[in-house]
N, C-alpha and C. Protein backbone atom coordinates (compact mmCIF):
# COMPACT_ATOMS: atom_id res chain seq x y z
N MET A 1 -28.47 -192.99 75.61
CA MET A 1 -27.70 -191.60 75.32
C MET A 1 -26.87 -191.26 76.26
N ASN A 2 -25.59 -191.05 76.52
CA ASN A 2 -24.24 -190.46 77.47
C ASN A 2 -24.43 -189.06 76.89
N TYR A 3 -25.10 -188.40 78.82
CA TYR A 3 -25.12 -187.20 78.81
C TYR A 3 -23.66 -186.67 79.19
N THR A 4 -23.17 -187.37 79.97
CA THR A 4 -21.81 -186.90 80.50
C THR A 4 -20.78 -186.70 78.71
N TYR A 5 -20.75 -186.88 77.92
CA TYR A 5 -19.86 -186.46 76.21
C TYR A 5 -20.59 -185.39 76.22
N ILE A 6 -22.37 -185.35 76.10
CA ILE A 6 -23.48 -184.44 75.81
C ILE A 6 -22.64 -182.83 76.93
N ALA A 7 -22.04 -183.11 77.37
CA ALA A 7 -22.10 -182.26 78.67
C ALA A 7 -20.42 -181.36 78.64
N TRP A 8 -19.59 -182.24 78.42
CA TRP A 8 -18.25 -182.54 78.35
C TRP A 8 -17.88 -181.87 76.54
N GLY A 9 -18.81 -182.00 75.82
CA GLY A 9 -18.82 -181.37 74.51
C GLY A 9 -19.40 -180.15 74.95
N ALA A 10 -20.82 -179.58 75.71
CA ALA A 10 -21.09 -178.12 75.55
C ALA A 10 -19.48 -177.14 76.25
N VAL A 11 -19.19 -178.27 76.80
CA VAL A 11 -18.38 -177.16 77.62
C VAL A 11 -16.88 -176.94 76.99
N GLY A 12 -16.63 -177.66 76.11
CA GLY A 12 -15.62 -177.43 74.75
C GLY A 12 -16.23 -176.14 73.96
N ILE A 13 -17.39 -176.45 73.85
CA ILE A 13 -17.47 -175.84 72.40
C ILE A 13 -17.82 -174.23 72.94
N ILE A 14 -17.99 -174.25 74.81
CA ILE A 14 -18.39 -172.44 75.36
C ILE A 14 -16.66 -172.29 75.60
N ALA A 15 -15.60 -173.27 75.62
CA ALA A 15 -14.15 -172.95 76.09
C ALA A 15 -13.44 -172.30 74.25
N LEU A 16 -13.98 -172.69 73.70
CA LEU A 16 -13.45 -172.86 72.53
C LEU A 16 -14.04 -171.36 72.09
N TRP A 17 -15.34 -170.97 72.10
CA TRP A 17 -15.92 -169.87 71.73
C TRP A 17 -15.15 -168.57 72.24
N SER A 18 -15.02 -168.53 73.65
CA SER A 18 -14.47 -167.82 74.50
C SER A 18 -13.65 -167.31 73.73
N VAL A 19 -12.49 -168.56 73.52
CA VAL A 19 -11.06 -167.91 73.21
C VAL A 19 -11.11 -167.91 71.59
N TRP A 20 -11.70 -167.77 71.19
CA TRP A 20 -12.23 -167.24 70.07
C TRP A 20 -12.47 -166.05 69.88
N GLY A 21 -13.47 -165.44 70.75
CA GLY A 21 -14.08 -164.13 71.07
C GLY A 21 -12.62 -163.34 71.58
N PHE A 22 -12.07 -163.75 73.01
CA PHE A 22 -10.66 -163.04 73.32
C PHE A 22 -9.94 -162.22 72.33
N PHE A 23 -9.72 -163.44 71.38
CA PHE A 23 -8.63 -163.30 70.48
C PHE A 23 -9.36 -162.23 69.51
N GLY A 24 -10.43 -162.72 69.06
CA GLY A 24 -11.25 -161.53 67.84
C GLY A 24 -11.61 -160.42 68.74
N SER A 25 -11.61 -159.52 69.86
CA SER A 25 -11.96 -158.48 70.35
C SER A 25 -11.15 -157.95 70.79
N HIS A 26 -9.52 -158.82 70.70
CA HIS A 26 -7.96 -158.15 71.08
C HIS A 26 -7.56 -157.46 70.24
N VAL A 27 -8.44 -155.63 70.14
CA VAL A 27 -7.63 -154.72 69.99
C VAL A 27 -7.07 -153.96 70.06
N GLU A 28 -6.25 -152.96 69.55
CA GLU A 28 -6.27 -151.68 70.40
C GLU A 28 -6.85 -150.66 70.72
N GLN A 29 -7.06 -150.24 72.35
CA GLN A 29 -8.72 -149.83 72.82
C GLN A 29 -7.39 -148.24 72.77
N ALA A 30 -9.09 -147.15 73.44
CA ALA A 30 -8.55 -145.88 73.98
C ALA A 30 -7.90 -146.30 75.34
N ASP A 31 -7.02 -145.12 75.27
CA ASP A 31 -5.96 -144.65 76.23
C ASP A 31 -6.92 -144.11 77.29
N TYR A 32 -7.22 -144.15 78.31
CA TYR A 32 -8.00 -142.84 79.34
C TYR A 32 -7.73 -143.11 80.99
N THR A 33 -7.52 -142.43 81.49
CA THR A 33 -7.04 -142.40 82.83
C THR A 33 -8.45 -142.04 84.17
N VAL A 34 -8.38 -143.42 84.95
CA VAL A 34 -9.81 -143.14 85.37
C VAL A 34 -10.05 -142.18 87.01
N ILE A 35 -10.41 -141.03 86.85
CA ILE A 35 -10.44 -139.96 87.71
C ILE A 35 -11.16 -140.54 88.88
N LYS A 36 -11.73 -140.90 89.20
CA LYS A 36 -12.78 -141.31 90.23
C LYS A 36 -13.45 -142.35 90.16
N LYS A 37 -14.15 -143.61 90.99
CA LYS A 37 -14.84 -144.90 90.56
C LYS A 37 -15.83 -144.00 91.64
N MET A 38 -17.00 -143.63 91.26
CA MET A 38 -18.79 -143.69 91.55
C MET A 38 -19.19 -145.32 92.41
N ASN A 39 -20.72 -145.13 92.75
CA ASN A 39 -20.89 -146.01 93.32
C ASN A 39 -21.41 -147.24 91.95
N ASP A 40 -22.09 -146.74 91.26
CA ASP A 40 -22.00 -147.87 89.47
C ASP A 40 -21.53 -146.89 88.42
N TYR A 41 -20.63 -145.85 88.80
CA TYR A 41 -19.56 -145.81 87.22
C TYR A 41 -18.70 -144.73 87.51
N GLU A 42 -17.95 -144.65 86.31
CA GLU A 42 -16.64 -144.12 86.80
C GLU A 42 -16.29 -142.74 86.31
N ILE A 43 -15.10 -141.65 86.45
CA ILE A 43 -14.94 -140.63 85.46
C ILE A 43 -13.63 -140.92 84.79
N ARG A 44 -13.87 -140.36 83.78
CA ARG A 44 -12.23 -140.50 83.13
C ARG A 44 -11.96 -139.98 82.40
N GLU A 45 -10.99 -139.61 82.16
CA GLU A 45 -9.94 -138.20 81.01
C GLU A 45 -9.73 -139.00 80.25
N TYR A 46 -10.19 -138.97 78.91
CA TYR A 46 -9.66 -139.33 77.74
C TYR A 46 -8.46 -138.49 76.90
N PRO A 47 -7.52 -138.62 76.64
CA PRO A 47 -6.76 -137.50 76.31
C PRO A 47 -7.17 -137.48 74.44
N ALA A 48 -6.66 -136.64 74.18
CA ALA A 48 -6.80 -136.15 72.62
C ALA A 48 -6.40 -137.11 71.86
N HIS A 49 -7.41 -136.93 71.01
CA HIS A 49 -7.47 -138.46 69.53
C HIS A 49 -7.96 -138.24 68.77
N ILE A 50 -7.78 -138.32 68.03
CA ILE A 50 -8.35 -138.58 66.53
C ILE A 50 -8.55 -139.93 65.78
N VAL A 51 -9.86 -138.85 65.24
CA VAL A 51 -11.18 -140.59 64.90
C VAL A 51 -11.74 -140.25 63.89
N ALA A 52 -11.71 -141.12 63.08
CA ALA A 52 -12.73 -141.29 61.36
C ALA A 52 -14.20 -141.36 61.94
N GLN A 53 -15.09 -140.17 61.28
CA GLN A 53 -16.79 -140.48 62.17
C GLN A 53 -17.49 -139.77 60.54
N THR A 54 -18.78 -140.04 60.71
CA THR A 54 -19.48 -140.42 60.02
C THR A 54 -21.20 -139.96 60.55
N THR A 55 -22.24 -139.02 60.28
CA THR A 55 -23.46 -138.13 61.39
C THR A 55 -24.52 -139.18 59.69
N VAL A 56 -25.20 -139.99 60.60
CA VAL A 56 -26.60 -141.02 59.43
C VAL A 56 -27.74 -140.11 60.12
N THR A 57 -28.62 -140.51 59.62
CA THR A 57 -30.04 -140.12 60.14
C THR A 57 -31.13 -141.74 59.75
N GLY A 58 -31.87 -141.78 60.68
CA GLY A 58 -33.00 -142.77 60.20
C GLY A 58 -33.25 -143.53 62.21
N PRO A 59 -33.74 -144.83 61.89
CA PRO A 59 -33.89 -145.60 63.28
C PRO A 59 -32.39 -145.57 64.12
N TYR A 60 -31.95 -146.11 65.14
CA TYR A 60 -31.43 -146.02 66.10
C TYR A 60 -30.52 -147.10 64.98
N GLY A 61 -31.17 -148.20 65.79
CA GLY A 61 -30.46 -149.30 64.73
C GLY A 61 -29.74 -149.74 62.96
N GLU A 62 -30.79 -148.88 62.90
CA GLU A 62 -30.34 -148.78 61.72
C GLU A 62 -29.32 -147.74 60.85
N SER A 63 -29.50 -146.94 62.15
CA SER A 63 -28.57 -145.89 62.15
C SER A 63 -26.64 -146.12 62.43
N LEU A 64 -27.08 -146.86 63.01
CA LEU A 64 -25.64 -147.52 63.41
C LEU A 64 -25.58 -148.94 62.70
N GLU A 65 -26.35 -148.76 62.41
CA GLU A 65 -25.05 -150.68 60.78
C GLU A 65 -24.53 -149.51 59.80
N SER A 66 -25.56 -148.72 59.25
CA SER A 66 -25.32 -147.94 58.06
C SER A 66 -24.02 -146.97 58.22
N GLY A 67 -24.20 -146.64 59.55
CA GLY A 67 -23.05 -145.53 59.95
C GLY A 67 -21.68 -146.22 59.81
N PHE A 68 -21.96 -147.24 60.37
CA PHE A 68 -20.55 -148.22 60.74
C PHE A 68 -20.38 -148.70 59.50
N SER A 69 -20.90 -148.88 58.26
CA SER A 69 -20.57 -149.32 57.38
C SER A 69 -19.86 -148.95 56.53
N ILE A 70 -20.66 -147.07 56.90
CA ILE A 70 -19.73 -145.97 56.00
C ILE A 70 -17.95 -146.15 56.77
N VAL A 71 -17.94 -145.65 57.55
CA VAL A 71 -16.84 -145.58 57.94
C VAL A 71 -15.80 -146.86 58.24
N ALA A 72 -16.38 -147.71 58.24
CA ALA A 72 -15.68 -149.25 57.59
C ALA A 72 -15.16 -149.47 56.77
N GLY A 73 -15.74 -149.01 55.32
CA GLY A 73 -15.62 -148.59 54.26
C GLY A 73 -13.97 -148.04 54.28
N TYR A 74 -13.59 -146.60 55.40
CA TYR A 74 -12.46 -146.66 55.11
C TYR A 74 -11.32 -146.78 55.76
N ILE A 75 -11.89 -147.28 57.03
CA ILE A 75 -10.75 -148.38 57.59
C ILE A 75 -10.28 -149.64 57.10
N PHE A 76 -11.17 -150.30 55.85
CA PHE A 76 -11.26 -151.05 55.31
C PHE A 76 -10.54 -151.20 54.11
N GLY A 77 -9.96 -149.84 53.42
CA GLY A 77 -9.05 -149.72 52.71
C GLY A 77 -9.88 -148.67 51.44
N GLY A 78 -11.03 -148.44 51.84
CA GLY A 78 -11.64 -147.04 50.87
C GLY A 78 -10.46 -145.44 51.61
N ASN A 79 -9.56 -145.21 51.12
CA ASN A 79 -8.65 -144.39 51.20
C ASN A 79 -7.64 -144.19 50.07
N THR A 80 -7.69 -143.12 49.96
CA THR A 80 -6.05 -142.89 48.85
C THR A 80 -4.75 -143.60 49.14
N LYS A 81 -4.52 -143.93 50.01
CA LYS A 81 -3.23 -144.33 50.04
C LYS A 81 -2.79 -145.87 49.95
N LYS A 82 -1.74 -146.53 49.08
CA LYS A 82 -1.28 -147.80 48.99
C LYS A 82 -1.14 -148.63 49.61
N GLU A 83 -0.13 -148.11 50.45
CA GLU A 83 0.19 -149.23 51.78
C GLU A 83 -0.63 -149.94 52.64
N ARG A 84 0.22 -150.62 53.26
CA ARG A 84 -0.72 -151.89 54.12
C ARG A 84 0.02 -152.18 55.62
N ILE A 85 -1.22 -151.22 56.24
CA ILE A 85 -1.08 -151.23 57.51
C ILE A 85 -0.86 -152.63 58.25
N ALA A 86 -0.36 -153.06 59.22
CA ALA A 86 -0.64 -154.79 60.03
C ALA A 86 -1.58 -154.46 60.52
N MET A 87 -2.80 -154.77 60.83
CA MET A 87 -3.83 -155.14 61.31
C MET A 87 -3.59 -155.42 62.98
N THR A 88 -4.21 -155.46 63.61
CA THR A 88 -4.52 -155.64 65.14
C THR A 88 -5.42 -156.71 65.31
N ALA A 89 -6.26 -157.23 64.62
CA ALA A 89 -6.94 -158.98 65.20
C ALA A 89 -7.57 -159.00 63.90
N PRO A 90 -7.85 -160.70 64.55
CA PRO A 90 -8.45 -161.27 63.00
C PRO A 90 -9.34 -160.92 62.12
N VAL A 91 -10.65 -160.30 63.18
CA VAL A 91 -11.49 -159.68 61.84
C VAL A 91 -11.39 -158.82 61.05
N VAL A 92 -10.18 -157.66 61.48
CA VAL A 92 -9.89 -156.71 60.23
C VAL A 92 -8.87 -157.47 59.69
N ALA A 93 -8.20 -157.98 59.64
CA ALA A 93 -6.69 -159.15 58.94
C ALA A 93 -8.16 -159.48 57.78
N GLN A 94 -9.28 -160.34 57.81
CA GLN A 94 -10.24 -160.88 56.92
C GLN A 94 -10.48 -160.66 56.17
N LYS A 95 -10.45 -158.99 55.98
CA LYS A 95 -11.11 -158.07 54.84
C LYS A 95 -9.53 -157.40 54.17
N GLU A 96 -8.45 -157.87 54.83
CA GLU A 96 -7.35 -158.03 53.52
C GLU A 96 -7.94 -158.67 51.65
N THR A 97 -8.38 -159.25 52.01
CA THR A 97 -8.50 -159.68 50.49
C THR A 97 -9.61 -158.43 49.66
N GLU A 98 -10.20 -158.11 50.70
CA GLU A 98 -11.19 -157.66 49.69
C GLU A 98 -10.61 -156.21 49.52
N THR A 99 -9.86 -155.65 49.84
CA THR A 99 -9.38 -154.15 49.90
C THR A 99 -7.78 -154.37 49.02
N LYS A 100 -7.90 -155.33 48.64
CA LYS A 100 -5.78 -154.80 48.35
C LYS A 100 -5.49 -153.85 47.71
N GLU A 101 -6.36 -152.62 46.68
CA GLU A 101 -5.96 -150.97 46.39
C GLU A 101 -5.85 -149.95 47.17
N GLY A 102 -6.32 -150.86 48.54
CA GLY A 102 -6.31 -149.66 49.68
C GLY A 102 -4.91 -149.80 50.90
N GLU A 103 -5.57 -148.49 51.79
CA GLU A 103 -4.32 -149.21 52.58
C GLU A 103 -5.41 -149.76 53.23
N ASN A 104 -5.10 -150.50 54.28
CA ASN A 104 -5.84 -151.30 55.92
C ASN A 104 -5.47 -150.46 57.02
N ILE A 105 -6.27 -150.26 57.52
CA ILE A 105 -5.92 -149.30 58.53
C ILE A 105 -6.38 -150.25 59.89
N ALA A 106 -5.70 -150.40 61.40
CA ALA A 106 -6.26 -151.88 61.93
C ALA A 106 -7.35 -151.18 63.17
N MET A 107 -8.21 -151.55 63.42
CA MET A 107 -9.42 -151.21 63.82
C MET A 107 -9.39 -151.45 65.72
N THR A 108 -9.82 -149.93 66.51
CA THR A 108 -9.57 -149.75 67.03
C THR A 108 -10.95 -150.16 68.11
N ALA A 109 -11.04 -150.16 69.65
CA ALA A 109 -12.19 -150.13 69.85
C ALA A 109 -11.85 -148.64 70.83
N PRO A 110 -13.45 -148.08 71.10
CA PRO A 110 -14.44 -148.57 71.13
C PRO A 110 -14.57 -147.77 70.03
N VAL A 111 -16.09 -148.21 69.51
CA VAL A 111 -16.62 -147.39 68.09
C VAL A 111 -18.09 -146.92 69.02
N VAL A 112 -17.88 -145.72 68.82
CA VAL A 112 -19.43 -144.67 69.75
C VAL A 112 -19.90 -144.10 68.35
N ALA A 113 -21.01 -144.02 69.28
CA ALA A 113 -22.30 -143.79 68.63
C ALA A 113 -22.98 -142.73 69.19
N THR A 114 -23.46 -141.64 68.89
CA THR A 114 -23.76 -140.80 69.18
C THR A 114 -25.07 -140.24 69.00
N THR A 115 -26.02 -139.77 69.86
CA THR A 115 -27.46 -139.32 68.77
C THR A 115 -27.18 -137.66 69.92
N GLU A 116 -27.94 -137.08 68.28
CA GLU A 116 -28.37 -136.05 68.13
C GLU A 116 -29.45 -135.58 67.39
N GLY A 117 -30.54 -135.54 68.07
CA GLY A 117 -31.66 -135.67 67.53
C GLY A 117 -31.72 -136.65 66.85
N GLY A 118 -32.45 -135.86 65.65
CA GLY A 118 -32.65 -137.38 64.20
C GLY A 118 -31.47 -137.72 63.64
N GLU A 119 -29.96 -137.39 63.98
CA GLU A 119 -29.36 -137.81 63.43
C GLU A 119 -28.19 -138.86 64.76
N GLN A 120 -26.71 -138.81 63.72
CA GLN A 120 -26.21 -139.90 64.93
C GLN A 120 -24.79 -140.12 64.30
N THR A 121 -23.79 -139.68 65.35
CA THR A 121 -22.55 -139.83 64.65
C THR A 121 -21.56 -140.97 64.96
N ILE A 122 -21.44 -142.09 64.09
CA ILE A 122 -20.28 -143.03 64.58
C ILE A 122 -18.89 -142.69 64.04
N SER A 123 -18.16 -143.14 64.89
CA SER A 123 -16.76 -142.52 65.43
C SER A 123 -15.86 -144.19 65.62
N PHE A 124 -15.08 -143.83 64.90
CA PHE A 124 -13.80 -145.64 65.15
C PHE A 124 -12.80 -144.59 65.35
N GLY A 125 -12.06 -144.78 66.42
CA GLY A 125 -10.57 -143.66 67.17
C GLY A 125 -9.96 -145.07 66.16
N MET A 126 -8.60 -143.67 65.73
CA MET A 126 -7.65 -143.74 64.75
C MET A 126 -6.22 -145.30 65.78
N PRO A 127 -5.87 -144.71 65.19
CA PRO A 127 -4.65 -146.41 65.89
C PRO A 127 -3.67 -145.37 66.70
N ARG A 128 -2.84 -145.28 67.03
CA ARG A 128 -2.01 -144.77 67.98
C ARG A 128 -0.92 -144.14 67.46
N SER A 129 -0.55 -144.79 65.91
CA SER A 129 0.49 -144.67 65.54
C SER A 129 0.21 -143.97 64.25
N TYR A 130 -0.67 -142.89 64.04
CA TYR A 130 -0.77 -142.04 63.04
C TYR A 130 -0.82 -140.56 63.64
N THR A 131 -0.58 -140.37 62.85
CA THR A 131 -0.94 -138.07 63.32
C THR A 131 -2.43 -138.02 61.75
N LEU A 132 -2.31 -136.33 62.10
CA LEU A 132 -3.54 -135.73 61.04
C LEU A 132 -2.76 -136.14 59.69
N GLU A 133 -1.36 -135.79 59.97
CA GLU A 133 -1.04 -135.44 58.44
C GLU A 133 0.15 -137.59 58.12
N THR A 134 -0.35 -138.36 58.40
CA THR A 134 -0.57 -139.45 57.92
C THR A 134 -1.24 -140.69 57.66
N LEU A 135 -2.74 -139.96 57.76
CA LEU A 135 -3.47 -140.58 58.01
C LEU A 135 -4.46 -140.36 56.01
N PRO A 136 -4.61 -141.29 55.84
CA PRO A 136 -4.41 -141.28 54.13
C PRO A 136 -6.25 -140.59 53.80
N THR A 137 -6.60 -140.00 52.95
CA THR A 137 -7.77 -139.65 52.61
C THR A 137 -9.26 -140.24 52.24
N PRO A 138 -9.85 -139.96 52.79
CA PRO A 138 -11.01 -141.39 52.70
C PRO A 138 -11.55 -140.85 51.40
N ASP A 139 -12.15 -141.90 50.91
CA ASP A 139 -12.48 -141.89 49.43
C ASP A 139 -13.74 -141.50 49.41
N ASP A 140 -14.60 -141.60 50.39
CA ASP A 140 -16.15 -141.39 50.82
C ASP A 140 -15.72 -140.15 51.61
N SER A 141 -16.70 -138.83 50.98
CA SER A 141 -16.73 -137.61 51.48
C SER A 141 -17.48 -138.02 52.60
N ARG A 142 -18.70 -138.46 53.22
CA ARG A 142 -19.16 -139.07 54.19
C ARG A 142 -18.86 -139.18 55.68
N VAL A 143 -17.22 -139.89 55.44
CA VAL A 143 -15.74 -139.55 56.21
C VAL A 143 -15.50 -138.95 56.38
N LYS A 144 -15.19 -138.28 57.84
CA LYS A 144 -14.61 -137.12 58.33
C LYS A 144 -13.72 -137.42 59.47
N ILE A 145 -12.13 -137.20 59.34
CA ILE A 145 -10.63 -137.16 60.10
C ILE A 145 -10.72 -136.03 60.90
N VAL A 146 -10.95 -136.11 62.39
CA VAL A 146 -11.56 -134.95 63.03
C VAL A 146 -10.53 -135.30 64.33
N THR A 147 -9.97 -134.51 65.30
CA THR A 147 -9.32 -134.72 66.46
C THR A 147 -10.43 -133.97 67.75
N ILE A 148 -9.99 -135.23 68.35
CA ILE A 148 -10.74 -135.00 70.20
C ILE A 148 -10.38 -134.34 70.97
N PRO A 149 -10.85 -133.41 71.65
CA PRO A 149 -9.31 -132.99 72.73
C PRO A 149 -9.97 -133.56 73.39
N THR A 150 -8.81 -133.89 74.73
CA THR A 150 -8.96 -134.28 75.80
C THR A 150 -10.07 -133.61 77.02
N LYS A 151 -11.15 -134.33 77.58
CA LYS A 151 -11.99 -134.21 77.50
C LYS A 151 -12.53 -135.49 79.36
N GLN A 152 -13.15 -134.79 79.83
CA GLN A 152 -13.70 -135.90 81.15
C GLN A 152 -15.32 -136.60 81.00
N TYR A 153 -15.13 -137.36 80.74
CA TYR A 153 -16.49 -138.63 80.55
C TYR A 153 -16.55 -139.50 81.55
N ALA A 154 -18.25 -139.52 81.78
CA ALA A 154 -18.92 -140.45 83.03
C ALA A 154 -19.22 -141.44 82.45
N VAL A 155 -18.95 -142.89 82.35
CA VAL A 155 -18.94 -143.72 81.71
C VAL A 155 -19.33 -144.71 82.73
N MET A 156 -20.16 -146.20 82.36
CA MET A 156 -20.95 -146.59 82.84
C MET A 156 -20.65 -148.00 82.12
N GLU A 157 -20.50 -148.97 82.66
CA GLU A 157 -20.33 -150.83 81.42
C GLU A 157 -21.67 -151.83 82.20
N PHE A 158 -21.49 -151.73 81.50
CA PHE A 158 -23.13 -153.55 81.20
C PHE A 158 -22.13 -154.21 79.86
N SER A 159 -22.83 -155.63 80.39
CA SER A 159 -22.32 -156.54 79.28
C SER A 159 -23.33 -157.17 78.69
N TRP A 160 -22.76 -158.11 77.92
CA TRP A 160 -24.51 -159.23 77.35
C TRP A 160 -24.44 -158.32 75.57
N TYR A 161 -25.85 -159.12 74.65
CA TYR A 161 -25.87 -158.12 73.56
C TYR A 161 -26.49 -157.20 74.21
N ARG A 162 -25.96 -156.04 73.21
CA ARG A 162 -26.74 -154.86 73.23
C ARG A 162 -28.23 -154.58 72.42
N SER A 163 -29.53 -154.29 72.72
CA SER A 163 -30.60 -153.96 72.21
C SER A 163 -30.54 -152.15 72.38
N ASP A 164 -31.51 -151.88 71.28
CA ASP A 164 -31.86 -150.37 71.69
C ASP A 164 -32.24 -150.48 72.64
N ALA A 165 -33.25 -151.42 73.09
CA ALA A 165 -33.80 -150.25 74.62
C ALA A 165 -32.82 -151.10 75.69
N ARG A 166 -32.15 -151.75 75.40
CA ARG A 166 -31.07 -151.36 76.77
C ARG A 166 -30.94 -150.68 76.56
N ILE A 167 -29.77 -150.22 75.27
CA ILE A 167 -29.30 -148.83 75.42
C ILE A 167 -29.72 -147.85 76.08
N LYS A 168 -30.91 -148.06 75.88
CA LYS A 168 -31.73 -146.79 76.42
C LYS A 168 -31.60 -146.70 77.87
N ARG A 169 -31.87 -147.82 78.15
CA ARG A 169 -31.82 -148.09 79.74
C ARG A 169 -30.70 -147.17 80.80
N MET A 170 -30.14 -148.42 79.52
CA MET A 170 -28.61 -147.88 80.54
C MET A 170 -28.32 -146.60 80.05
N GLN A 171 -28.23 -145.59 79.13
CA GLN A 171 -28.28 -144.45 79.21
C GLN A 171 -28.85 -143.47 80.12
N GLU A 172 -30.17 -143.95 80.30
CA GLU A 172 -31.41 -143.27 81.18
C GLU A 172 -30.56 -142.96 82.68
N LYS A 173 -29.96 -144.40 82.41
CA LYS A 173 -29.31 -144.83 84.13
C LYS A 173 -28.17 -144.18 84.41
N LEU A 174 -27.78 -144.32 83.38
CA LEU A 174 -26.86 -143.12 83.48
C LEU A 174 -26.65 -141.50 83.80
N SER A 175 -28.05 -141.32 83.12
CA SER A 175 -28.23 -140.04 83.35
C SER A 175 -28.75 -140.03 85.20
N ALA A 176 -29.27 -140.54 85.41
CA ALA A 176 -30.06 -139.99 86.65
C ALA A 176 -29.15 -140.67 87.86
N SER A 177 -27.54 -141.15 87.83
CA SER A 177 -26.80 -141.50 88.56
C SER A 177 -26.02 -140.30 88.81
N LEU A 178 -26.26 -139.65 87.71
CA LEU A 178 -25.29 -138.15 87.55
C LEU A 178 -26.25 -137.41 88.08
N THR A 179 -27.77 -136.83 87.70
CA THR A 179 -28.37 -136.64 88.57
C THR A 179 -28.04 -136.41 89.98
N ARG A 180 -28.30 -137.69 90.51
CA ARG A 180 -28.23 -138.00 91.98
C ARG A 180 -26.47 -137.28 92.77
N ASP A 181 -25.33 -137.54 91.98
CA ASP A 181 -24.36 -137.31 92.27
C ASP A 181 -24.17 -135.91 92.22
N GLY A 182 -24.78 -134.84 91.34
CA GLY A 182 -24.30 -133.47 91.27
C GLY A 182 -23.06 -133.36 90.05
N VAL A 183 -23.57 -134.25 89.19
CA VAL A 183 -22.93 -134.24 88.31
C VAL A 183 -23.13 -133.79 86.77
N VAL A 184 -22.63 -132.39 86.54
CA VAL A 184 -23.37 -132.26 85.25
C VAL A 184 -23.01 -132.20 84.20
N ALA A 185 -23.65 -133.25 82.97
CA ALA A 185 -23.05 -133.46 81.91
C ALA A 185 -23.39 -132.70 80.76
N GLN A 186 -22.55 -132.55 79.40
CA GLN A 186 -22.81 -131.97 78.36
C GLN A 186 -23.18 -132.71 77.28
N GLY A 187 -24.07 -132.54 76.47
CA GLY A 187 -24.25 -132.94 75.21
C GLY A 187 -24.90 -134.73 75.91
N SER A 188 -25.52 -135.36 74.52
CA SER A 188 -25.88 -136.61 74.93
C SER A 188 -25.05 -137.97 75.10
N VAL A 189 -25.81 -138.86 75.74
CA VAL A 189 -24.90 -139.97 76.18
C VAL A 189 -25.06 -140.73 75.06
N ALA A 190 -23.93 -140.98 75.05
CA ALA A 190 -23.49 -141.79 73.63
C ALA A 190 -23.49 -143.31 74.07
N TYR A 191 -23.11 -144.48 73.12
CA TYR A 191 -23.23 -146.05 73.61
C TYR A 191 -21.38 -146.28 72.95
N ALA A 192 -21.17 -146.88 73.36
CA ALA A 192 -19.70 -147.39 72.71
C ALA A 192 -19.45 -149.08 73.08
N GLY A 193 -19.05 -149.76 71.57
CA GLY A 193 -19.05 -150.97 71.57
C GLY A 193 -17.76 -151.18 71.75
N TYR A 194 -16.79 -152.23 72.22
CA TYR A 194 -15.55 -153.09 72.08
C TYR A 194 -15.35 -154.26 71.30
N ASN A 195 -16.77 -154.93 71.62
CA ASN A 195 -16.40 -156.57 70.80
C ASN A 195 -16.54 -156.64 69.10
N ALA A 196 -16.36 -157.80 68.34
CA ALA A 196 -16.70 -158.59 67.09
C ALA A 196 -18.03 -159.11 67.76
N PRO A 197 -18.24 -159.15 66.11
CA PRO A 197 -19.76 -159.50 66.20
C PRO A 197 -20.02 -161.40 67.34
N TRP A 198 -18.93 -162.00 66.73
CA TRP A 198 -18.67 -163.69 67.23
C TRP A 198 -18.42 -163.03 68.90
N THR A 199 -18.28 -162.49 69.59
CA THR A 199 -18.11 -162.56 70.67
C THR A 199 -18.82 -163.24 71.65
N PRO A 200 -18.74 -163.77 72.22
CA PRO A 200 -19.85 -164.69 73.23
C PRO A 200 -20.22 -163.39 74.75
N PRO A 201 -21.27 -164.15 74.85
CA PRO A 201 -22.16 -162.43 74.97
C PRO A 201 -21.63 -162.26 76.59
N TRP A 202 -20.80 -163.18 77.14
CA TRP A 202 -20.76 -163.07 78.78
C TRP A 202 -19.37 -162.81 78.60
N MET A 203 -18.38 -162.33 77.28
CA MET A 203 -17.77 -161.58 77.13
C MET A 203 -17.39 -160.62 76.86
N ILE A 204 -18.81 -159.93 76.62
CA ILE A 204 -18.57 -158.73 75.65
C ILE A 204 -18.98 -157.59 76.50
N ARG A 205 -18.51 -155.80 76.50
CA ARG A 205 -17.74 -155.06 77.02
C ARG A 205 -18.76 -153.85 76.00
N ASN A 206 -19.57 -153.21 76.53
CA ASN A 206 -20.66 -152.29 76.42
C ASN A 206 -20.31 -151.10 77.64
N GLU A 207 -20.27 -149.95 76.64
CA GLU A 207 -20.40 -148.60 77.83
C GLU A 207 -21.63 -147.55 76.92
N VAL A 208 -22.13 -146.49 78.36
CA VAL A 208 -22.84 -145.58 77.62
C VAL A 208 -21.62 -144.77 78.49
N LEU A 209 -21.71 -143.71 78.12
CA LEU A 209 -20.63 -142.84 78.42
C LEU A 209 -21.22 -140.90 77.70
N VAL A 210 -21.08 -140.35 78.72
CA VAL A 210 -21.46 -139.23 77.70
C VAL A 210 -20.19 -137.40 78.97
N GLU A 211 -19.65 -137.01 78.21
CA GLU A 211 -18.86 -135.57 78.53
C GLU A 211 -19.57 -135.05 79.77
N ILE A 212 -18.55 -134.76 80.84
CA ILE A 212 -19.09 -133.84 81.72
C ILE A 212 -18.06 -132.67 82.53
N LYS A 213 -18.82 -131.48 82.94
CA LYS A 213 -18.28 -130.65 83.62
C LYS A 213 -16.72 -130.80 84.44
N GLU A 214 -16.01 -130.16 83.95
CA GLU A 214 -14.93 -130.56 85.32
C GLU A 214 -15.30 -129.78 86.31
């Protein structure tokens, strides 16, 4: 057996996977300004922006999946307009063949999940080219279009695949860091995911974030 060929083949597969992951996850992302870099997190200010969101109940993992599907239905054409909008990532473009009757809205990152007791709110940021007046109305009444005002957040990044347990540990770590630094949080700690499912784990960008008092 020629182990050299096997090694080079593995390197090639990893390289192709990385390229695929880069282009597959290269979508419009939320604007923000870094106000201050702390030891293990940073303070960011996010300008006012529009999101499509839904609130679901149940175990964290199941709720995240079902909430994502509900809002994705709106993003992928479950709305009242018939015009098409150019997609910003290949994964979203693949959905065009399934949503010929509706407007296909560009996917943005991050997708944010917040936990409020037994309920979770799943939010997709809308592309900056839209306003409340130009966004189509959702077909699904569970999807709400809202404007989030300018706010400051404490944000901690981490990579690799997410799991409920890992997200919880990172949320607790961020909360502990804020307590250590005397930063006052408002509300629950949210999870933000930036990447498509096929993204290589070493390229995955995850975040936990919470609004803070300015």
